[in-house]
Amino acid sequence: MEEDPMAPIFEEEEDIVADSAIREAKIKADVYRVIKNWTFTMPNLDSTSKGFNVTPKIAKLVQILQCFQHEGDAFRGVIFGGCHCRWPF
């Protein structure tokens, strides 16, 4: 008769597995609640608006990507960003 290699050896192991499953479910529920109730400001890409709240580089990136919107899922692109830092640090 073959024994299941994953079977708990002691009864206490069953409790540990059950406790960890409950703990994991609680953590997942807590993370879901935080994400669901997260309040954030939607980006305003209108540079003439008083509520403009993105950097000019992000606004330019969105404009460029909108030019290729007609490509849909077939769009493939590489984005090169300039680094204005001195190397090596």
C-alpha atoms as a PDB file:
ATOM      1  CA  MET A   1       0.000   0.000   0.000  1.00  0.00           C
ATOM      2  CA  GLU A   2       1.542   3.310  -1.116  1.00  0.00           C
ATOM      3  CA  GLU A   3       1.155   6.397   1.011  1.00  0.00           C
ATOM      4  CA  ASP A   4       0.581   9.865  -0.338  1.00  0.00           C
ATOM      5  CA  PRO A   5       3.925  11.706   0.022  1.00  0.00           C
ATOM      6  CA  MET A   6       2.071  14.984   0.607  1.00  0.00           C
ATOM      7  CA  ALA A   7      -0.133  13.577   3.397  1.00  0.00           C
ATOM      8  CA  PRO A   8       0.408  15.283   6.746  1.00  0.00           C
ATOM      9  CA  ILE A   9       2.515  13.305   9.164  1.00  0.00           C
ATOM     10  CA  PHE A  10       0.995  14.815  12.292  1.00  0.00           C
ATOM     11  CA  GLU A  11      -2.531  16.054  12.920  1.00  0.00           C
ATOM     12  CA  GLU A  12      -1.113  19.479  13.760  1.00  0.00           C
ATOM     13  CA  GLU A  13       0.092  19.836  10.166  1.00  0.00           C
ATOM     14  CA  GLU A  14      -3.514  19.762   8.985  1.00  0.00           C
ATOM     15  CA  ASP A  15      -4.266  22.699  11.269  1.00  0.00           C
ATOM     16  CA  ILE A  16      -1.232  24.605   9.963  1.00  0.00           C
ATOM     17  CA  VAL A  17      -2.334  24.079   6.355  1.00  0.00           C
ATOM     18  CA  ALA A  18      -5.900  25.149   7.182  1.00  0.00           C
ATOM     19  CA  ASP A  19      -4.662  28.225   9.085  1.00  0.00           C
ATOM     20  CA  SER A  20      -2.343  29.271   6.255  1.00  0.00           C
ATOM     21  CA  ALA A  21      -5.179  28.899   3.720  1.00  0.00           C
ATOM     22  CA  ILE A  22      -7.433  31.079   5.865  1.00  0.00           C
ATOM     23  CA  ARG A  23      -4.632  33.622   6.345  1.00  0.00           C
ATOM     24  CA  GLU A  24      -3.971  33.701   2.588  1.00  0.00           C
ATOM     25  CA  ALA A  25      -7.673  34.203   1.810  1.00  0.00           C
ATOM     26  CA  LYS A  26      -7.836  37.059   4.327  1.00  0.00           C
ATOM     27  CA  ILE A  27      -4.780  38.742   2.807  1.00  0.00           C
ATOM     28  CA  LYS A  28      -6.240  38.429  -0.698  1.00  0.00           C
ATOM     29  CA  ALA A  29      -9.547  39.910   0.495  1.00  0.00           C
ATOM     30  CA  ASP A  30      -7.714  42.796   2.200  1.00  0.00           C
ATOM     31  CA  VAL A  31      -5.656  43.560  -0.927  1.00  0.00           C
ATOM     32  CA  TYR A  32      -8.786  43.415  -3.100  1.00  0.00           C
ATOM     33  CA  ARG A  33     -10.607  45.806  -0.735  1.00  0.00           C
ATOM     34  CA  VAL A  34      -7.712  48.294  -0.768  1.00  0.00           C
ATOM     35  CA  ILE A  35      -7.492  48.272  -4.567  1.00  0.00           C
ATOM     36  CA  LYS A  36     -11.265  48.513  -5.005  1.00  0.00           C
ATOM     37  CA  ASN A  37     -11.551  51.491  -2.645  1.00  0.00           C
ATOM     38  CA  TRP A  38      -8.415  53.258  -3.893  1.00  0.00           C
ATOM     39  CA  THR A  39      -9.109  56.865  -4.730  1.00  0.00           C
ATOM     40  CA  PHE A  40      -6.959  58.363  -7.433  1.00  0.00           C
ATOM     41  CA  THR A  41      -7.100  61.269  -9.809  1.00  0.00           C
ATOM     42  CA  MET A  42      -7.597  60.475 -13.465  1.00  0.00           C
ATOM     43  CA  PRO A  43      -4.874  61.901 -15.692  1.00  0.00           C
ATOM     44  CA  ASN A  44      -5.793  65.156 -17.407  1.00  0.00           C
ATOM     45  CA  LEU A  45      -3.875  65.352 -20.686  1.00  0.00           C
ATOM     46  CA  ASP A  46      -5.231  68.757 -21.749  1.00  0.00           C
ATOM     47  CA  SER A  47      -2.235  71.080 -21.415  1.00  0.00           C
ATOM     48  CA  THR A  48      -4.495  74.163 -21.575  1.00  0.00           C
ATOM     49  CA  SER A  49      -6.559  72.983 -18.619  1.00  0.00           C
ATOM     50  CA  LYS A  50      -6.012  74.240 -15.092  1.00  0.00           C
ATOM     51  CA  GLY A  51      -6.150  70.608 -13.930  1.00  0.00           C
ATOM     52  CA  PHE A  52      -3.326  69.413 -16.223  1.00  0.00           C
ATOM     53  CA  ASN A  53      -1.686  66.798 -14.016  1.00  0.00           C
ATOM     54  CA  VAL A  54       0.810  64.797 -16.074  1.00  0.00           C
ATOM     55  CA  THR A  55       4.350  65.570 -17.086  1.00  0.00           C
ATOM     56  CA  PRO A  56       4.927  66.951 -20.586  1.00  0.00           C
ATOM     57  CA  LYS A  57       6.776  63.736 -21.501  1.00  0.00           C
ATOM     58  CA  ILE A  58       3.749  61.610 -20.611  1.00  0.00           C
ATOM     59  CA  ALA A  59       1.463  63.913 -22.594  1.00  0.00           C
ATOM     60  CA  LYS A  60       3.790  63.656 -25.618  1.00  0.00           C
ATOM     61  CA  LEU A  61       3.936  59.852 -25.296  1.00  0.00           C
ATOM     62  CA  VAL A  62       0.137  59.655 -25.289  1.00  0.00           C
ATOM     63  CA  GLN A  63      -0.037  61.903 -28.375  1.00  0.00           C
ATOM     64  CA  ILE A  64       2.441  59.682 -30.215  1.00  0.00           C
ATOM     65  CA  LEU A  65       0.595  56.515 -29.245  1.00  0.00           C
ATOM     66  CA  GLN A  66      -2.718  58.026 -30.380  1.00  0.00           C
ATOM     67  CA  CYS A  67      -1.194  58.460 -33.861  1.00  0.00           C
ATOM     68  CA  PHE A  68      -0.940  54.666 -34.078  1.00  0.00           C
ATOM     69  CA  GLN A  69      -4.360  53.923 -32.604  1.00  0.00           C
ATOM     70  CA  HIS A  70      -5.656  52.739 -35.997  1.00  0.00           C
ATOM     71  CA  GLU A  71      -3.125  49.879 -35.848  1.00  0.00           C
ATOM     72  CA  GLY A  72      -4.933  48.414 -32.838  1.00  0.00           C
ATOM     73  CA  ASP A  73      -3.479  45.178 -31.452  1.00  0.00           C
ATOM     74  CA  ALA A  74      -1.140  44.916 -34.444  1.00  0.00           C
ATOM     75  CA  PHE A  75       0.876  47.919 -33.226  1.00  0.00           C
ATOM     76  CA  ARG A  76       4.423  47.157 -32.165  1.00  0.00           C
ATOM     77  CA  GLY A  77       6.795  49.873 -31.109  1.00  0.00           C
ATOM     78  CA  VAL A  78       9.944  50.688 -29.220  1.00  0.00           C
ATOM     79  CA  ILE A  79      10.138  53.751 -27.049  1.00  0.00           C
ATOM     80  CA  PHE A  80      13.481  55.451 -26.627  1.00  0.00           C
ATOM     81  CA  GLY A  81      13.824  57.876 -23.756  1.00  0.00           C
ATOM     82  CA  GLY A  82      16.603  60.339 -23.356  1.00  0.00           C
ATOM     83  CA  CYS A  83      18.603  60.105 -20.173  1.00  0.00           C
ATOM     84  CA  HIS A  84      19.641  63.475 -18.811  1.00  0.00           C
ATOM     85  CA  CYS A  85      21.792  62.029 -16.087  1.00  0.00           C
ATOM     86  CA  ARG A  86      25.530  61.709 -15.888  1.00  0.00           C
ATOM     87  CA  TRP A  87      26.955  58.220 -16.134  1.00  0.00           C
ATOM     88  CA  PRO A  88      28.594  56.799 -14.097  1.00  0.00           C
ATOM     89  CA  PHE A  89      27.016  58.123 -10.941  1.00  0.00           C
END
